[in-house]
C-alpha atoms as a PDB file:
ATOM      1  CA  UNK A   1     -13.484 -62.005 -17.652  1.00  0.00           C
ATOM      2  CA  UNK A   2     -14.472 -61.734 -14.000  1.00  0.00           C
ATOM      3  CA  UNK A   3     -15.632 -58.349 -12.754  1.00  0.00           C
ATOM      4  CA  UNK A   4     -16.866 -57.280  -9.334  1.00  0.00           C
ATOM      5  CA  UNK A   5     -18.881 -54.074  -9.232  1.00  0.00           C
ATOM      6  CA  UNK A   6     -19.631 -52.426  -5.908  1.00  0.00           C
ATOM      7  CA  UNK A   7     -22.255 -49.802  -5.179  1.00  0.00           C
ATOM      8  CA  UNK A   8     -23.973 -48.122  -2.253  1.00  0.00           C
ATOM      9  CA  UNK A   9     -21.207 -46.162  -0.594  1.00  0.00           C
ATOM     10  CA  UNK A  10     -21.609 -42.532   0.307  1.00  0.00           C
ATOM     11  CA  UNK A  11     -21.819 -39.935   3.033  1.00  0.00           C
ATOM     12  CA  UNK A  12     -24.006 -40.398   6.085  1.00  0.00           C
ATOM     13  CA  UNK A  13     -24.324 -38.927   9.538  1.00  0.00           C
ATOM     14  CA  UNK A  14     -23.543 -40.975  12.612  1.00  0.00           C
ATOM     15  CA  UNK A  15     -26.432 -43.257  13.469  1.00  0.00           C
ATOM     16  CA  UNK A  16     -27.475 -43.543   9.852  1.00  0.00           C
ATOM     17  CA  UNK A  17     -27.578 -46.528   7.522  1.00  0.00           C
ATOM     18  CA  UNK A  18     -26.157 -47.579   4.177  1.00  0.00           C
ATOM     19  CA  UNK A  19     -26.421 -50.754   2.134  1.00  0.00           C
ATOM     20  CA  UNK A  20     -23.539 -51.925  -0.015  1.00  0.00           C
ATOM     21  CA  UNK A  21     -23.888 -54.304  -2.948  1.00  0.00           C
ATOM     22  CA  UNK A  22     -21.297 -56.210  -4.946  1.00  0.00           C
ATOM     23  CA  UNK A  23     -22.199 -58.130  -8.086  1.00  0.00           C
ATOM     24  CA  UNK A  24     -19.909 -60.514  -9.908  1.00  0.00           C
ATOM     25  CA  UNK A  25     -20.058 -61.165 -13.632  1.00  0.00           C
ATOM     26  CA  UNK A  26     -18.281 -63.729 -15.738  1.00  0.00           C
ATOM     27  CA  UNK A  27     -18.525 -66.449 -13.070  1.00  0.00           C
ATOM     28  CA  UNK A  28     -20.312 -69.753 -12.710  1.00  0.00           C
ATOM     29  CA  UNK A  29     -20.790 -69.315  -8.990  1.00  0.00           C
ATOM     30  CA  UNK A  30     -19.187 -67.797  -5.924  1.00  0.00           C
ATOM     31  CA  UNK A  31     -18.138 -69.643  -2.799  1.00  0.00           C
ATOM     32  CA  UNK A  32     -17.254 -67.331   0.082  1.00  0.00           C
ATOM     33  CA  UNK A  33     -18.211 -63.674  -0.299  1.00  0.00           C
ATOM     34  CA  UNK A  34     -17.023 -60.943   1.992  1.00  0.00           C
ATOM     35  CA  UNK A  35     -16.515 -57.281   2.747  1.00  0.00           C
ATOM     36  CA  UNK A  36     -13.273 -55.725   3.890  1.00  0.00           C
ATOM     37  CA  UNK A  37     -12.445 -52.137   4.720  1.00  0.00           C
ATOM     38  CA  UNK A  38      -9.405 -49.941   4.861  1.00  0.00           C
ATOM     39  CA  UNK A  39      -9.348 -46.698   6.782  1.00  0.00           C
ATOM     40  CA  UNK A  40      -6.685 -44.042   6.117  1.00  0.00           C
ATOM     41  CA  UNK A  41      -3.363 -45.108   7.579  1.00  0.00           C
ATOM     42  CA  UNK A  42      -4.635 -48.533   8.570  1.00  0.00           C
ATOM     43  CA  UNK A  43      -4.411 -52.040   7.176  1.00  0.00           C
ATOM     44  CA  UNK A  44      -7.275 -53.623   5.314  1.00  0.00           C
ATOM     45  CA  UNK A  45      -9.441 -55.664   7.679  1.00  0.00           C
ATOM     46  CA  UNK A  46     -12.236 -58.174   7.323  1.00  0.00           C
ATOM     47  CA  UNK A  47     -15.646 -56.729   8.134  1.00  0.00           C
ATOM     48  CA  UNK A  48     -17.833 -59.753   7.429  1.00  0.00           C
ATOM     49  CA  UNK A  49     -18.017 -62.775   5.214  1.00  0.00           C
ATOM     50  CA  UNK A  50     -20.573 -65.422   4.299  1.00  0.00           C
ATOM     51  CA  UNK A  51     -20.107 -68.918   2.966  1.00  0.00           C
ATOM     52  CA  UNK A  52     -22.123 -70.519   0.218  1.00  0.00           C
ATOM     53  CA  UNK A  53     -23.939 -72.402   2.978  1.00  0.00           C
ATOM     54  CA  UNK A  54     -24.902 -69.156   4.677  1.00  0.00           C
ATOM     55  CA  UNK A  55     -22.496 -69.215   7.612  1.00  0.00           C
ATOM     56  CA  UNK A  56     -21.573 -65.666   8.553  1.00  0.00           C
ATOM     57  CA  UNK A  57     -18.623 -64.170  10.351  1.00  0.00           C
ATOM     58  CA  UNK A  58     -18.267 -60.606  11.635  1.00  0.00           C
ATOM     59  CA  UNK A  59     -15.506 -58.589  13.140  1.00  0.00           C
ATOM     60  CA  UNK A  60     -16.393 -57.682  16.718  1.00  0.00           C
ATOM     61  CA  UNK A  61     -16.735 -53.948  16.096  1.00  0.00           C
ATOM     62  CA  UNK A  62     -19.660 -54.394  13.690  1.00  0.00           C
ATOM     63  CA  UNK A  63     -21.579 -57.211  15.341  1.00  0.00           C
ATOM     64  CA  UNK A  64     -25.228 -56.315  15.965  1.00  0.00           C
ATOM     65  CA  UNK A  65     -24.932 -53.333  13.592  1.00  0.00           C
ATOM     66  CA  UNK A  66     -24.014 -54.825  10.207  1.00  0.00           C
ATOM     67  CA  UNK A  67     -25.667 -57.711   8.365  1.00  0.00           C
ATOM     68  CA  UNK A  68     -24.139 -59.575   5.443  1.00  0.00           C
ATOM     69  CA  UNK A  69     -26.334 -61.482   3.007  1.00  0.00           C
ATOM     70  CA  UNK A  70     -26.093 -62.938  -0.480  1.00  0.00           C
ATOM     71  CA  UNK A  71     -28.060 -63.812  -3.572  1.00  0.00           C
ATOM     72  CA  UNK A  72     -26.535 -66.735  -5.409  1.00  0.00           C
ATOM     73  CA  UNK A  73     -28.919 -66.238  -8.308  1.00  0.00           C
ATOM     74  CA  UNK A  74     -27.409 -62.798  -8.831  1.00  0.00           C
ATOM     75  CA  UNK A  75     -23.835 -63.586  -7.647  1.00  0.00           C
ATOM     76  CA  UNK A  76     -24.297 -60.630  -5.351  1.00  0.00           C
ATOM     77  CA  UNK A  77     -23.294 -59.954  -1.763  1.00  0.00           C
ATOM     78  CA  UNK A  78     -24.830 -57.229   0.373  1.00  0.00           C
ATOM     79  CA  UNK A  79     -23.796 -55.428   3.519  1.00  0.00           C
ATOM     80  CA  UNK A  80     -26.508 -53.643   5.467  1.00  0.00           C
ATOM     81  CA  UNK A  81     -24.848 -51.162   7.780  1.00  0.00           C
ATOM     82  CA  UNK A  82     -26.898 -49.632  10.581  1.00  0.00           C
ATOM     83  CA  UNK A  83     -26.008 -47.377  13.496  1.00  0.00           C
ATOM     84  CA  UNK A  84     -22.959 -46.172  11.614  1.00  0.00           C
ATOM     85  CA  UNK A  85     -20.147 -44.563  13.569  1.00  0.00           C
ATOM     86  CA  UNK A  86     -17.385 -42.186  12.441  1.00  0.00           C
ATOM     87  CA  UNK A  87     -14.889 -45.015  12.988  1.00  0.00           C
ATOM     88  CA  UNK A  88     -16.675 -46.978  10.244  1.00  0.00           C
ATOM     89  CA  UNK A  89     -15.342 -44.460   7.732  1.00  0.00           C
ATOM     90  CA  UNK A  90     -13.243 -46.367   5.200  1.00  0.00           C
ATOM     91  CA  UNK A  91     -13.041 -47.675   1.689  1.00  0.00           C
ATOM     92  CA  UNK A  92     -15.054 -50.886   1.618  1.00  0.00           C
ATOM     93  CA  UNK A  93     -13.907 -53.678  -0.673  1.00  0.00           C
ATOM     94  CA  UNK A  94     -15.838 -56.684  -1.831  1.00  0.00           C
ATOM     95  CA  UNK A  95     -14.082 -60.017  -2.175  1.00  0.00           C
ATOM     96  CA  UNK A  96     -15.601 -63.045  -3.835  1.00  0.00           C
ATOM     97  CA  UNK A  97     -14.020 -66.421  -4.333  1.00  0.00           C
ATOM     98  CA  UNK A  98     -15.435 -67.517  -7.643  1.00  0.00           C
ATOM     99  CA  UNK A  99     -15.493 -70.492  -9.946  1.00  0.00           C
ATOM    100  CA  UNK A 100     -14.980 -69.856 -13.625  1.00  0.00           C
ATOM    101  CA  UNK A 101     -15.364 -72.633 -16.172  1.00  0.00           C
ATOM    102  CA  UNK A 102     -12.581 -75.199 -15.834  1.00  0.00           C
ATOM    103  CA  UNK A 103     -10.780 -73.376 -13.025  1.00  0.00           C
ATOM    104  CA  UNK A 104     -10.267 -73.736  -9.294  1.00  0.00           C
ATOM    105  CA  UNK A 105     -12.008 -71.278  -6.952  1.00  0.00           C
ATOM    106  CA  UNK A 106     -10.135 -67.998  -7.202  1.00  0.00           C
ATOM    107  CA  UNK A 107     -10.469 -64.824  -5.089  1.00  0.00           C
ATOM    108  CA  UNK A 108     -11.279 -61.546  -6.788  1.00  0.00           C
ATOM    109  CA  UNK A 109     -11.535 -58.042  -5.365  1.00  0.00           C
ATOM    110  CA  UNK A 110     -13.712 -55.107  -6.235  1.00  0.00           C
ATOM    111  CA  UNK A 111     -12.245 -51.643  -6.658  1.00  0.00           C
ATOM    112  CA  UNK A 112     -13.773 -50.343  -3.454  1.00  0.00           C
ATOM    113  CA  UNK A 113     -16.500 -47.913  -2.449  1.00  0.00           C
ATOM    114  CA  UNK A 114     -16.019 -45.070   0.008  1.00  0.00           C
ATOM    115  CA  UNK A 115     -18.153 -44.832   3.131  1.00  0.00           C
ATOM    116  CA  UNK A 116     -17.872 -41.598   5.103  1.00  0.00           C
ATOM    117  CA  UNK A 117     -19.625 -41.217   8.445  1.00  0.00           C
ATOM    118  CA  UNK A 118     -19.722 -37.749   9.983  1.00  0.00           C
ATOM    119  CA  UNK A 119     -20.027 -37.101  13.701  1.00  0.00           C
END
């Protein structure tokens, strides 16, 4: 059974930093890994993603502040968030497209971790 477990969310003042982690279990390997977020009253949006080859993609609002990285040995994706702003407040969700024995790559979501940035 595939499980994604996120950690690292919390409360921080504007200008501070947090690092999110998301580890997958029950998988052979992950292809694309990414982080999404959903603020109250808004749609879920892509924050950043990273391919198995290391190609990264960021939404414009987080470029030069957030860094996505991965450890394939641990099936884990990270999101280092610096210079946080109140508008970064949201529930952050991990998404990994994973390969399980005998199956096609399939996307899975974590349950989300709350990031709150105070002004």
